[in-house]
N, C-alpha and C. Protein backbone atom coordinates (compact mmCIF):
# COMPACT_ATOMS: atom_id res chain seq x y z
N UNK A 1 42.67 -93.20 21.56
CA UNK A 1 43.90 -92.92 21.51
C UNK A 1 45.17 -94.13 21.41
N UNK A 2 44.69 -95.11 22.59
CA UNK A 2 45.38 -96.19 22.35
C UNK A 2 45.59 -96.95 20.94
N UNK A 3 44.65 -97.01 20.39
CA UNK A 3 44.12 -97.32 18.66
C UNK A 3 45.17 -97.01 18.18
N UNK A 4 45.17 -95.58 17.93
CA UNK A 4 45.72 -94.51 17.34
C UNK A 4 47.52 -95.06 17.39
N UNK A 5 48.07 -94.76 18.61
CA UNK A 5 49.51 -94.96 19.21
C UNK A 5 49.49 -96.57 18.23
N UNK A 6 48.83 -98.03 18.92
CA UNK A 6 49.10 -98.70 17.87
C UNK A 6 49.72 -99.28 16.35
N UNK A 7 47.90 -98.08 16.19
CA UNK A 7 48.29 -98.32 14.60
C UNK A 7 49.58 -97.15 13.98
N UNK A 8 49.74 -96.36 14.54
CA UNK A 8 51.29 -95.58 14.52
C UNK A 8 52.61 -96.44 14.36
N UNK A 9 52.17 -97.30 15.42
CA UNK A 9 53.35 -98.17 16.12
C UNK A 9 53.67 -99.26 14.52
N UNK A 10 52.63 -99.50 14.28
CA UNK A 10 52.17 -100.58 13.54
C UNK A 10 52.85 -100.13 11.86
N UNK A 11 52.36 -99.31 11.56
CA UNK A 11 52.22 -98.61 10.82
C UNK A 11 53.99 -98.34 10.29
N UNK A 12 54.47 -97.74 11.29
CA UNK A 12 55.79 -97.54 11.12
C UNK A 12 56.86 -98.45 10.65
N UNK A 13 57.03 -99.63 11.81
CA UNK A 13 57.30 -100.64 11.16
C UNK A 13 56.79 -101.90 10.30
N UNK A 14 55.63 -101.82 9.92
CA UNK A 14 55.99 -102.28 8.26
C UNK A 14 56.03 -101.21 7.18
N UNK A 15 55.96 -100.01 7.03
CA UNK A 15 56.14 -99.09 6.52
C UNK A 15 57.68 -99.12 6.16
N UNK A 16 58.41 -99.67 6.94
CA UNK A 16 59.97 -99.55 7.31
C UNK A 16 60.43 -100.69 6.27
N UNK A 17 60.08 -101.80 6.85
CA UNK A 17 60.56 -103.14 6.51
C UNK A 17 60.12 -103.11 4.83
N UNK A 18 58.96 -102.57 5.06
CA UNK A 18 58.23 -102.75 2.83
C UNK A 18 59.12 -101.63 2.48
N UNK A 19 60.13 -100.75 2.66
CA UNK A 19 61.00 -99.86 2.20
C UNK A 19 62.43 -100.44 1.73
N UNK A 20 62.58 -101.24 2.90
CA UNK A 20 63.70 -101.90 2.92
C UNK A 20 63.85 -103.40 2.07
N UNK A 21 62.66 -103.79 2.36
CA UNK A 21 63.09 -105.44 1.26
C UNK A 21 62.44 -105.46 0.02
N UNK A 22 61.36 -104.28 -0.34
CA UNK A 22 60.64 -104.20 -1.43
C UNK A 22 61.50 -103.88 -2.89
N UNK A 23 62.55 -102.93 -2.59
CA UNK A 23 64.06 -102.82 -3.35
C UNK A 23 64.57 -104.26 -3.53
N UNK A 24 64.50 -104.81 -2.72
CA UNK A 24 65.79 -106.09 -2.92
C UNK A 24 64.65 -107.11 -3.77
N UNK A 25 63.66 -107.71 -2.93
CA UNK A 25 63.15 -108.71 -4.02
C UNK A 25 62.17 -107.75 -4.78
N UNK A 26 61.79 -107.08 -5.61
CA UNK A 26 61.03 -106.38 -7.30
C UNK A 26 61.22 -105.10 -6.96
N UNK A 27 60.66 -104.35 -7.10
CA UNK A 27 60.14 -102.89 -7.87
C UNK A 27 58.42 -102.19 -7.46
N UNK A 28 59.11 -101.13 -7.20
CA UNK A 28 57.65 -100.42 -7.21
C UNK A 28 58.52 -98.69 -6.61
N UNK A 29 57.34 -97.93 -6.61
CA UNK A 29 56.97 -96.68 -6.46
C UNK A 29 56.75 -96.62 -4.68
N UNK A 30 57.55 -95.16 -4.25
CA UNK A 30 57.24 -95.11 -2.72
C UNK A 30 55.68 -94.89 -2.62
N UNK A 31 54.78 -94.44 -3.65
CA UNK A 31 53.42 -94.19 -2.96
C UNK A 31 52.68 -95.96 -3.25
N UNK A 32 53.28 -96.41 -3.98
CA UNK A 32 52.99 -97.77 -4.02
C UNK A 32 53.40 -98.73 -3.00
N UNK A 33 54.30 -98.69 -2.16
CA UNK A 33 54.28 -98.92 -0.86
C UNK A 33 54.23 -98.32 0.13
N UNK A 34 53.82 -96.78 -0.26
CA UNK A 34 52.55 -96.44 0.97
C UNK A 34 51.73 -96.75 1.55
N UNK A 35 51.01 -97.07 -0.56
CA UNK A 35 49.52 -97.87 -0.17
C UNK A 35 49.56 -99.14 -0.05
N UNK A 36 50.48 -100.09 -0.30
CA UNK A 36 50.72 -101.22 0.22
C UNK A 36 50.49 -101.98 1.75
N UNK A 37 51.28 -100.29 2.33
CA UNK A 37 51.75 -100.32 4.04
C UNK A 37 50.16 -100.30 4.43
N UNK A 38 49.80 -99.06 4.02
CA UNK A 38 48.31 -98.71 5.08
C UNK A 38 47.29 -99.59 4.36
N UNK A 39 47.48 -100.35 3.31
CA UNK A 39 46.34 -101.68 3.33
C UNK A 39 46.63 -102.89 4.00
N UNK A 40 48.17 -102.82 4.36
CA UNK A 40 48.18 -103.92 5.31
C UNK A 40 48.24 -103.78 7.06
N UNK A 41 48.47 -102.27 7.35
CA UNK A 41 48.09 -102.00 8.46
C UNK A 41 46.73 -101.57 8.65
N UNK A 42 45.86 -101.90 8.16
CA UNK A 42 44.56 -101.58 8.12
C UNK A 42 44.01 -102.55 8.36
N UNK A 43 44.57 -103.64 7.19
CA UNK A 43 43.01 -105.07 7.30
C UNK A 43 43.92 -106.18 7.99
N UNK A 44 45.43 -106.04 8.96
CA UNK A 44 46.10 -106.41 9.54
C UNK A 44 45.43 -106.11 11.01
N UNK A 45 45.36 -104.95 11.54
CA UNK A 45 45.11 -104.22 12.91
C UNK A 45 43.07 -104.93 13.37
N UNK A 46 42.64 -104.59 11.99
CA UNK A 46 41.08 -105.13 12.54
C UNK A 46 41.11 -106.72 12.96
N UNK A 47 41.28 -107.15 11.58
CA UNK A 47 40.78 -108.55 11.38
C UNK A 47 42.07 -109.51 12.64
N UNK A 48 43.35 -108.95 12.81
CA UNK A 48 44.45 -109.69 13.17
C UNK A 48 44.51 -109.48 14.59
N UNK A 49 44.32 -108.05 15.12
CA UNK A 49 44.65 -107.51 15.96
C UNK A 49 43.86 -107.41 16.78
N UNK A 50 43.05 -107.36 16.31
CA UNK A 50 41.88 -106.25 17.46
C UNK A 50 40.77 -107.57 17.75
N UNK A 51 40.79 -109.05 16.80
CA UNK A 51 39.54 -110.29 16.78
C UNK A 51 40.66 -111.06 17.30
N UNK A 52 41.39 -111.73 16.25
CA UNK A 52 42.31 -112.76 16.40
C UNK A 52 43.06 -112.94 17.57
N UNK A 53 43.74 -112.13 17.95
CA UNK A 53 44.66 -112.11 18.61
C UNK A 53 44.18 -112.25 19.93
N UNK A 54 42.85 -111.70 20.47
CA UNK A 54 42.80 -111.40 21.85
C UNK A 54 42.01 -113.07 22.46
N UNK A 55 40.84 -113.22 20.92
CA UNK A 55 40.20 -115.21 21.43
C UNK A 55 41.34 -116.28 20.87
N UNK A 56 42.25 -116.15 20.09
CA UNK A 56 42.74 -117.04 19.94
C UNK A 56 44.25 -117.09 20.11
N UNK A 57 44.85 -116.03 20.51
CA UNK A 57 46.22 -116.16 21.42
C UNK A 57 46.98 -116.09 20.04
N UNK A 58 48.18 -115.83 20.44
CA UNK A 58 49.58 -115.10 19.72
C UNK A 58 49.66 -116.16 18.53
N UNK A 59 50.29 -117.26 18.84
CA UNK A 59 50.53 -118.30 17.49
C UNK A 59 49.51 -118.49 16.36
N UNK A 60 48.03 -118.58 16.92
CA UNK A 60 47.22 -118.26 15.73
C UNK A 60 46.88 -117.31 14.93
N UNK A 61 47.34 -116.00 15.73
CA UNK A 61 47.12 -114.74 14.66
C UNK A 61 48.32 -114.43 14.14
N UNK A 62 49.81 -115.22 14.23
CA UNK A 62 50.83 -114.99 13.62
C UNK A 62 50.54 -115.91 12.52
N UNK A 63 50.18 -117.47 12.56
CA UNK A 63 49.62 -117.69 11.37
C UNK A 63 48.95 -117.14 10.46
N UNK A 64 47.82 -116.65 11.10
CA UNK A 64 46.37 -115.92 10.21
C UNK A 64 47.52 -114.51 9.45
N UNK A 65 47.93 -113.96 10.31
CA UNK A 65 49.03 -112.49 10.00
C UNK A 65 50.07 -113.16 8.84
N UNK A 66 50.54 -113.81 8.74
CA UNK A 66 51.40 -114.12 7.26
C UNK A 66 50.51 -114.53 6.25
N UNK A 67 48.80 -115.61 6.44
CA UNK A 67 48.45 -115.72 5.49
C UNK A 67 47.99 -114.25 4.74
N UNK A 68 47.27 -113.90 5.42
CA UNK A 68 47.03 -112.51 5.48
C UNK A 68 48.06 -111.16 4.57
N UNK A 69 48.88 -111.44 5.25
CA UNK A 69 50.23 -110.49 4.60
C UNK A 69 50.55 -110.91 3.13
N UNK A 70 51.06 -112.45 3.22
CA UNK A 70 51.23 -112.50 1.49
C UNK A 70 50.45 -112.47 0.84
N UNK A 71 48.67 -112.99 1.37
CA UNK A 71 47.42 -112.58 -0.01
C UNK A 71 47.43 -110.72 -0.12
N UNK A 72 47.88 -110.00 0.89
CA UNK A 72 47.75 -108.71 0.55
C UNK A 72 48.62 -108.20 -0.51
N UNK A 73 49.61 -108.77 -0.46
CA UNK A 73 51.15 -108.58 -1.31
C UNK A 73 51.31 -108.73 -2.11
N UNK A 74 50.45 -110.25 -2.35
CA UNK A 74 50.10 -110.45 -3.97
C UNK A 74 49.38 -109.51 -4.57
N UNK A 75 48.21 -110.10 -3.88
CA UNK A 75 47.26 -108.68 -4.63
C UNK A 75 47.87 -107.81 -4.80
N UNK A 76 48.52 -106.79 -3.79
CA UNK A 76 48.46 -105.22 -4.54
C UNK A 76 49.91 -105.37 -5.53
N UNK A 77 50.92 -106.53 -5.57
CA UNK A 77 51.17 -106.35 -7.04
C UNK A 77 50.96 -106.88 -8.20
N UNK A 78 49.19 -107.47 -7.68
CA UNK A 78 48.40 -107.88 -9.01
C UNK A 78 47.52 -106.49 -9.27
N UNK A 79 47.58 -105.42 -8.70
CA UNK A 79 46.33 -104.34 -8.47
C UNK A 79 47.44 -103.32 -9.15
N UNK A 80 48.32 -102.92 -8.99
CA UNK A 80 49.11 -101.60 -8.53
C UNK A 80 50.15 -101.85 -9.96
N UNK A 81 50.24 -101.19 -10.93
CA UNK A 81 51.22 -100.97 -12.15
C UNK A 81 52.19 -100.59 -12.14
N UNK A 82 53.48 -101.80 -12.57
CA UNK A 82 54.80 -101.59 -12.21
C UNK A 82 55.07 -101.68 -10.36
N UNK A 83 54.41 -102.36 -10.22
CA UNK A 83 54.64 -103.05 -8.75
C UNK A 83 55.25 -104.68 -8.77
N UNK A 84 56.17 -105.34 -9.23
CA UNK A 84 56.63 -106.38 -8.86
C UNK A 84 57.29 -107.16 -7.74
N UNK A 85 57.15 -108.47 -7.53
CA UNK A 85 58.08 -109.15 -6.53
C UNK A 85 58.31 -110.27 -7.71
N UNK A 86 59.59 -111.12 -6.66
CA UNK A 86 59.75 -112.44 -7.01
C UNK A 86 58.96 -113.34 -6.64
N UNK A 87 59.02 -114.65 -6.69
CA UNK A 87 58.77 -115.36 -6.39
C UNK A 87 58.40 -115.76 -4.94
N UNK A 88 59.87 -115.85 -4.58
CA UNK A 88 60.03 -115.64 -2.94
C UNK A 88 60.40 -114.46 -2.34
N UNK A 89 60.27 -113.42 -2.88
CA UNK A 89 59.61 -112.22 -2.42
C UNK A 89 58.60 -111.98 -1.77
N UNK A 90 57.52 -112.61 -2.37
CA UNK A 90 56.19 -112.74 -1.50
C UNK A 90 56.84 -113.11 -0.01
N UNK A 91 57.09 -114.33 -0.26
CA UNK A 91 56.85 -115.40 1.17
C UNK A 91 58.53 -114.39 1.76
N UNK A 92 59.59 -114.02 1.40
CA UNK A 92 60.11 -113.62 2.24
C UNK A 92 60.12 -112.15 3.08
N UNK A 93 59.36 -111.64 2.42
CA UNK A 93 58.50 -110.04 3.17
C UNK A 93 57.34 -110.66 3.77
N UNK A 94 56.60 -111.33 3.43
CA UNK A 94 55.92 -112.03 4.96
C UNK A 94 55.92 -112.76 5.52
N UNK A 95 56.92 -112.86 5.08
CA UNK A 95 57.90 -113.97 6.83
C UNK A 95 58.49 -112.81 7.58
N UNK A 96 59.23 -111.83 7.20
CA UNK A 96 59.74 -110.58 7.62
C UNK A 96 59.09 -109.87 8.87
N UNK A 97 57.76 -109.34 7.92
CA UNK A 97 56.69 -108.54 8.48
C UNK A 97 55.83 -109.42 9.46
N UNK A 98 55.92 -110.91 9.38
CA UNK A 98 55.60 -111.68 10.78
C UNK A 98 56.24 -111.68 12.16
N UNK A 99 58.24 -111.62 11.67
CA UNK A 99 58.69 -111.63 12.88
C UNK A 99 58.57 -109.80 13.30
N UNK A 100 58.12 -109.00 12.56
CA UNK A 100 57.72 -107.88 13.11
C UNK A 100 56.64 -108.28 14.39
N UNK A 101 55.39 -108.59 13.42
CA UNK A 101 54.25 -108.57 14.26
C UNK A 101 54.25 -109.43 15.52
N UNK A 102 54.97 -110.56 15.69
CA UNK A 102 55.45 -111.16 16.84
C UNK A 102 55.74 -110.08 17.78
N UNK A 103 56.92 -109.27 17.66
CA UNK A 103 56.84 -108.32 18.61
C UNK A 103 56.32 -107.34 19.00
N UNK A 104 54.95 -106.68 17.71
CA UNK A 104 53.74 -105.89 17.90
C UNK A 104 53.09 -106.48 18.97
N UNK A 105 52.71 -108.17 18.45
CA UNK A 105 51.85 -109.12 19.37
C UNK A 105 51.89 -108.64 20.92
N UNK A 106 53.70 -108.65 21.17
CA UNK A 106 54.09 -108.84 22.14
C UNK A 106 53.74 -107.85 23.28
N UNK A 107 54.13 -106.73 22.83
CA UNK A 107 53.61 -105.32 23.24
C UNK A 107 52.01 -105.23 23.43
N UNK A 108 51.08 -105.28 22.43
CA UNK A 108 49.53 -105.63 22.88
C UNK A 108 49.25 -106.23 23.73
N UNK A 109 50.13 -107.52 23.98
CA UNK A 109 49.56 -108.26 25.12
C UNK A 109 49.73 -107.86 26.67
N UNK A 110 51.15 -107.17 26.68
CA UNK A 110 51.85 -106.74 27.76
C UNK A 110 51.06 -105.20 28.27
N UNK A 111 50.41 -104.80 26.95
CA UNK A 111 49.74 -103.66 27.77
C UNK A 111 47.83 -103.65 27.68
N UNK A 112 47.54 -104.69 27.13
CA UNK A 112 46.24 -105.24 26.97
C UNK A 112 45.54 -104.86 26.30
N UNK A 113 46.19 -103.74 24.64
CA UNK A 113 45.84 -103.27 23.92
C UNK A 113 44.43 -103.90 23.06
N UNK A 114 44.62 -105.10 23.07
CA UNK A 114 43.77 -105.84 21.94
C UNK A 114 42.38 -105.56 23.23
N UNK A 115 42.24 -105.77 24.35
CA UNK A 115 41.24 -105.79 25.24
C UNK A 115 40.60 -104.44 25.06
N UNK A 116 41.22 -103.63 25.02
CA UNK A 116 40.40 -102.19 25.15
C UNK A 116 39.42 -102.03 24.11
């Protein structure tokens, strides 16, 4: 149940930021934004929040998170038709999401959620 709550919080944060930033730095449909967000939520939660964060700490998790986010966002723009971002858009969106992840990691560490 705790993982479901964590996934809902993470998804809300990611979809909110993507919904606000994608129109500013490019174009994409709502369904493409939802698909991108779902991909980011699942990959990031499993790879970073459940594995890197508990083993290596917040700084390493944020660095890994930034790389994963930028790579997945770029990959989604290549895979999804009509989903385009400016070159700086990839980096700014990944940076904004990483900033949001810092707060999410603080929540996870405070509740000891990644250890359960």
